[in-house]
C-alpha atoms as a PDB file:
ATOM      1  CA  MET A   1      62.221-230.005-310.690  1.00  0.00           C
ATOM      2  CA  LYS A   2      65.540-228.199-310.614  1.00  0.00           C
ATOM      3  CA  ILE A   3      66.811-226.938-313.934  1.00  0.00           C
ATOM      4  CA  ASP A   4      70.508-227.799-314.001  1.00  0.00           C
ATOM      5  CA  ALA A   5      73.159-226.401-316.340  1.00  0.00           C
ATOM      6  CA  LEU A   6      72.582-229.139-318.960  1.00  0.00           C
ATOM      7  CA  ASN A   7      68.845-228.514-318.966  1.00  0.00           C
ATOM      8  CA  TRP A   8      69.500-224.773-319.462  1.00  0.00           C
ATOM      9  CA  GLN A   9      71.711-225.586-322.444  1.00  0.00           C
ATOM     10  CA  ILE A  10      69.047-227.884-323.903  1.00  0.00           C
ATOM     11  CA  LEU A  11      66.374-225.213-323.336  1.00  0.00           C
ATOM     12  CA  GLY A  12      68.583-222.669-325.092  1.00  0.00           C
ATOM     13  CA  TYR A  13      68.867-224.827-328.216  1.00  0.00           C
ATOM     14  CA  LEU A  14      65.137-225.634-328.239  1.00  0.00           C
ATOM     15  CA  GLN A  15      64.157-221.980-327.804  1.00  0.00           C
ATOM     16  CA  ARG A  16      66.285-220.992-330.777  1.00  0.00           C
ATOM     17  CA  ASN A  17      64.993-223.881-332.902  1.00  0.00           C
ATOM     18  CA  ALA A  18      62.300-226.205-331.517  1.00  0.00           C
ATOM     19  CA  ARG A  19      62.858-228.555-334.461  1.00  0.00           C
ATOM     20  CA  GLU A  20      66.511-229.135-333.554  1.00  0.00           C
ATOM     21  CA  SER A  21      67.190-232.873-333.350  1.00  0.00           C
ATOM     22  CA  PHE A  22      67.988-234.428-330.000  1.00  0.00           C
ATOM     23  CA  ALA A  23      71.088-235.951-331.623  1.00  0.00           C
ATOM     24  CA  HIS A  24      72.392-232.507-332.625  1.00  0.00           C
ATOM     25  CA  ILE A  25      71.614-231.039-329.201  1.00  0.00           C
ATOM     26  CA  GLY A  26      73.262-234.055-327.565  1.00  0.00           C
ATOM     27  CA  ARG A  27      76.460-233.509-329.536  1.00  0.00           C
ATOM     28  CA  LYS A  28      76.510-229.855-328.452  1.00  0.00           C
ATOM     29  CA  VAL A  29      75.917-230.559-324.740  1.00  0.00           C
ATOM     30  CA  GLY A  30      77.750-233.878-324.420  1.00  0.00           C
ATOM     31  CA  LEU A  31      74.779-236.237-324.017  1.00  0.00           C
ATOM     32  CA  THR A  32      73.294-239.051-326.057  1.00  0.00           C
ATOM     33  CA  SER A  33      70.125-238.472-328.034  1.00  0.00           C
ATOM     34  CA  PRO A  34      68.044-240.642-325.624  1.00  0.00           C
ATOM     35  CA  ALA A  35      69.424-238.718-322.628  1.00  0.00           C
ATOM     36  CA  VAL A  36      68.398-235.405-324.227  1.00  0.00           C
ATOM     37  CA  ALA A  37      64.952-236.844-325.055  1.00  0.00           C
ATOM     38  CA  GLU A  38      64.528-237.986-321.443  1.00  0.00           C
ATOM     39  CA  ARG A  39      65.449-234.550-320.079  1.00  0.00           C
ATOM     40  CA  VAL A  40      63.102-232.831-322.539  1.00  0.00           C
ATOM     41  CA  LYS A  41      60.262-235.208-321.604  1.00  0.00           C
ATOM     42  CA  LYS A  42      60.786-234.476-317.894  1.00  0.00           C
ATOM     43  CA  MET A  43      60.748-230.717-318.557  1.00  0.00           C
ATOM     44  CA  GLU A  44      57.529-231.153-320.561  1.00  0.00           C
ATOM     45  CA  ASP A  45      55.965-233.256-317.775  1.00  0.00           C
ATOM     46  CA  PHE A  46      56.841-230.627-315.152  1.00  0.00           C
ATOM     47  CA  GLY A  47      55.420-227.850-317.340  1.00  0.00           C
ATOM     48  CA  ILE A  48      58.753-226.095-317.842  1.00  0.00           C
ATOM     49  CA  ILE A  49      58.385-226.668-321.582  1.00  0.00           C
ATOM     50  CA  GLN A  50      54.801-225.664-322.305  1.00  0.00           C
ATOM     51  CA  GLY A  51      54.657-226.301-326.032  1.00  0.00           C
ATOM     52  CA  TYR A  52      56.168-225.760-329.448  1.00  0.00           C
ATOM     53  CA  GLY A  53      55.077-223.406-332.172  1.00  0.00           C
ATOM     54  CA  THR A  54      55.739-221.867-335.543  1.00  0.00           C
ATOM     55  CA  GLN A  55      56.767-218.245-335.961  1.00  0.00           C
ATOM     56  CA  VAL A  56      55.015-216.638-338.910  1.00  0.00           C
ATOM     57  CA  SER A  57      56.010-213.395-340.609  1.00  0.00           C
ATOM     58  CA  TYR A  58      52.977-211.187-340.138  1.00  0.00           C
ATOM     59  CA  ALA A  59      54.061-208.965-343.053  1.00  0.00           C
ATOM     60  CA  LEU A  60      54.467-211.846-345.512  1.00  0.00           C
ATOM     61  CA  ALA A  61      51.142-213.255-344.300  1.00  0.00           C
ATOM     62  CA  GLY A  62      49.364-210.079-345.445  1.00  0.00           C
ATOM     63  CA  HIS A  63      49.394-207.971-342.281  1.00  0.00           C
ATOM     64  CA  GLN A  64      51.202-204.726-343.015  1.00  0.00           C
ATOM     65  CA  LEU A  65      50.753-203.198-339.548  1.00  0.00           C
ATOM     66  CA  LYS A  66      51.750-204.402-336.122  1.00  0.00           C
ATOM     67  CA  ALA A  67      50.541-202.319-333.197  1.00  0.00           C
ATOM     68  CA  ILE A  68      50.529-202.233-329.442  1.00  0.00           C
ATOM     69  CA  ILE A  69      47.146-201.191-328.094  1.00  0.00           C
ATOM     70  CA  MET A  70      46.572-200.319-324.464  1.00  0.00           C
ATOM     71  CA  LEU A  71      43.026-200.325-323.133  1.00  0.00           C
ATOM     72  CA  ARG A  72      41.692-198.668-320.003  1.00  0.00           C
ATOM     73  CA  ALA A  73      38.381-200.417-319.458  1.00  0.00           C
ATOM     74  CA  PHE A  74      35.216-198.521-318.593  1.00  0.00           C
ATOM     75  CA  MET A  75      33.508-199.433-315.310  1.00  0.00           C
ATOM     76  CA  GLY A  76      31.845-202.833-315.719  1.00  0.00           C
ATOM     77  CA  LYS A  77      33.428-203.504-319.134  1.00  0.00           C
ATOM     78  CA  LEU A  78      36.604-205.378-318.134  1.00  0.00           C
ATOM     79  CA  LYS A  79      35.059-208.824-317.688  1.00  0.00           C
ATOM     80  CA  PRO A  80      33.065-208.656-320.943  1.00  0.00           C
ATOM     81  CA  PHE A  81      36.217-207.505-322.728  1.00  0.00           C
ATOM     82  CA  LEU A  82      38.278-210.390-321.289  1.00  0.00           C
ATOM     83  CA  GLU A  83      35.816-212.799-322.906  1.00  0.00           C
ATOM     84  CA  LYS A  84      35.504-210.884-326.202  1.00  0.00           C
ATOM     85  CA  VAL A  85      39.254-210.419-326.773  1.00  0.00           C
ATOM     86  CA  LYS A  86      39.674-214.181-327.246  1.00  0.00           C
ATOM     87  CA  SER A  87      37.601-213.953-330.438  1.00  0.00           C
ATOM     88  CA  PHE A  88      39.619-211.166-332.094  1.00  0.00           C
ATOM     89  CA  GLN A  89      41.819-212.711-334.791  1.00  0.00           C
ATOM     90  CA  GLU A  90      43.930-209.549-334.877  1.00  0.00           C
ATOM     91  CA  VAL A  91      45.205-210.110-331.321  1.00  0.00           C
ATOM     92  CA  VAL A  92      48.404-212.168-331.145  1.00  0.00           C
ATOM     93  CA  ASN A  93      49.155-211.403-327.471  1.00  0.00           C
ATOM     94  CA  CYS A  94      47.033-209.885-324.739  1.00  0.00           C
ATOM     95  CA  TYR A  95      48.013-209.174-321.149  1.00  0.00           C
ATOM     96  CA  ARG A  96      46.079-207.929-318.156  1.00  0.00           C
ATOM     97  CA  ILE A  97      48.370-205.418-316.496  1.00  0.00           C
ATOM     98  CA  THR A  98      48.712-203.059-313.542  1.00  0.00           C
ATOM     99  CA  GLY A  99      48.863-199.296-313.890  1.00  0.00           C
ATOM    100  CA  ASN A 100      46.569-196.803-315.598  1.00  0.00           C
ATOM    101  CA  GLU A 101      45.549-199.256-318.311  1.00  0.00           C
ATOM    102  CA  ASN A 102      44.029-202.695-317.684  1.00  0.00           C
ATOM    103  CA  ILE A 103      45.037-204.385-320.929  1.00  0.00           C
ATOM    104  CA  ILE A 104      47.945-204.343-323.363  1.00  0.00           C
ATOM    105  CA  MET A 105      47.591-206.137-326.696  1.00  0.00           C
ATOM    106  CA  GLU A 106      49.890-206.886-329.583  1.00  0.00           C
ATOM    107  CA  VAL A 107      47.857-206.911-332.778  1.00  0.00           C
ATOM    108  CA  VAL A 108      48.512-207.433-336.484  1.00  0.00           C
ATOM    109  CA  LEU A 109      46.375-205.719-339.099  1.00  0.00           C
ATOM    110  CA  ARG A 110      46.116-205.550-342.892  1.00  0.00           C
ATOM    111  CA  ASP A 111      46.321-201.755-343.130  1.00  0.00           C
ATOM    112  CA  GLN A 112      45.233-198.459-341.571  1.00  0.00           C
ATOM    113  CA  ALA A 113      41.590-198.999-342.483  1.00  0.00           C
ATOM    114  CA  HIS A 114      41.657-202.337-340.672  1.00  0.00           C
ATOM    115  CA  LEU A 115      43.218-200.603-337.637  1.00  0.00           C
ATOM    116  CA  GLU A 116      40.456-198.001-337.643  1.00  0.00           C
ATOM    117  CA  LYS A 117      37.718-200.677-337.737  1.00  0.00           C
ATOM    118  CA  PHE A 118      39.441-202.651-335.008  1.00  0.00           C
ATOM    119  CA  ILE A 119      39.698-199.593-332.739  1.00  0.00           C
ATOM    120  CA  ASP A 120      35.990-198.920-333.366  1.00  0.00           C
ATOM    121  CA  GLU A 121      35.281-202.404-331.950  1.00  0.00           C
ATOM    122  CA  LEU A 122      37.460-201.756-328.908  1.00  0.00           C
ATOM    123  CA  ILE A 123      36.210-198.312-327.866  1.00  0.00           C
ATOM    124  CA  VAL A 124      32.916-199.704-326.558  1.00  0.00           C
ATOM    125  CA  TYR A 125      35.006-201.382-323.813  1.00  0.00           C
ATOM    126  CA  GLY A 126      37.247-198.471-322.863  1.00  0.00           C
ATOM    127  CA  GLU A 127      39.780-195.823-323.819  1.00  0.00           C
ATOM    128  CA  CYS A 128      42.452-196.989-326.273  1.00  0.00           C
ATOM    129  CA  ARG A 129      45.995-195.829-326.871  1.00  0.00           C
ATOM    130  CA  THR A 130      47.609-197.190-330.015  1.00  0.00           C
ATOM    131  CA  HIS A 131      51.295-197.432-330.876  1.00  0.00           C
ATOM    132  CA  ILE A 132      52.418-198.580-334.337  1.00  0.00           C
ATOM    133  CA  VAL A 133      55.421-200.910-334.248  1.00  0.00           C
ATOM    134  CA  LEU A 134      58.167-199.704-336.586  1.00  0.00           C
ATOM    135  CA  SER A 135      60.556-202.628-336.101  1.00  0.00           C
ATOM    136  CA  ASN A 136      61.400-205.466-333.732  1.00  0.00           C
ATOM    137  CA  VAL A 137      64.444-204.837-331.583  1.00  0.00           C
ATOM    138  CA  VAL A 138      64.169-208.028-329.499  1.00  0.00           C
ATOM    139  CA  GLU A 139      61.656-210.741-330.266  1.00  0.00           C
ATOM    140  CA  ASN A 140      61.171-214.162-328.687  1.00  0.00           C
ATOM    141  CA  ALA A 141      64.514-213.995-326.900  1.00  0.00           C
ATOM    142  CA  PRO A 142      65.429-217.254-325.166  1.00  0.00           C
ATOM    143  CA  ILE A 143      64.808-217.389-321.427  1.00  0.00           C
ATOM    144  CA  GLY A 144      67.927-218.181-319.440  1.00  0.00           C
ATOM    145  CA  LYS A 145      68.767-218.839-315.847  1.00  0.00           C
ATOM    146  CA  ALA A 146      67.803-215.856-313.689  1.00  0.00           C
ATOM    147  CA  LYS A 147      70.827-214.026-312.350  1.00  0.00           C
ATOM    148  CA  GLY A 148      71.472-214.565-308.664  1.00  0.00           C
ATOM    149  CA  LEU A 149      69.899-218.052-308.577  1.00  0.00           C
ATOM    150  CA  ASN A 150      72.035-221.045-307.745  1.00  0.00           C
END
């Protein structure tokens, strides 16, 4: 499915607010509500739109620390870690990456003591490097049309 200019506009509105009404989006892009709904349904069917979610303030939900943790897995520990990481409630995002480390995780924690306990669970799988997040500069930015594509 080709994503045309109208679909990019619709995607922009939905990425900023997934609860935006099709009528409101339609008024902004010059389509009827049913036409917007049809385009959204097609993008869902093709897997362009993969789902909708709620953004929660980790701080107001009781997690005072956000950290980025990079893990360099010990020999033979990567596969077990890839299964175990799915059970950690602290992990909000986890990526398998190239480079010196195998894994990069975004985690939220109650406090420093919680961070220490969490790192103690991780170090059986590999070497950890931890970075405390001070603030968000860009977060959940909308995806737009890639430059250079027609």
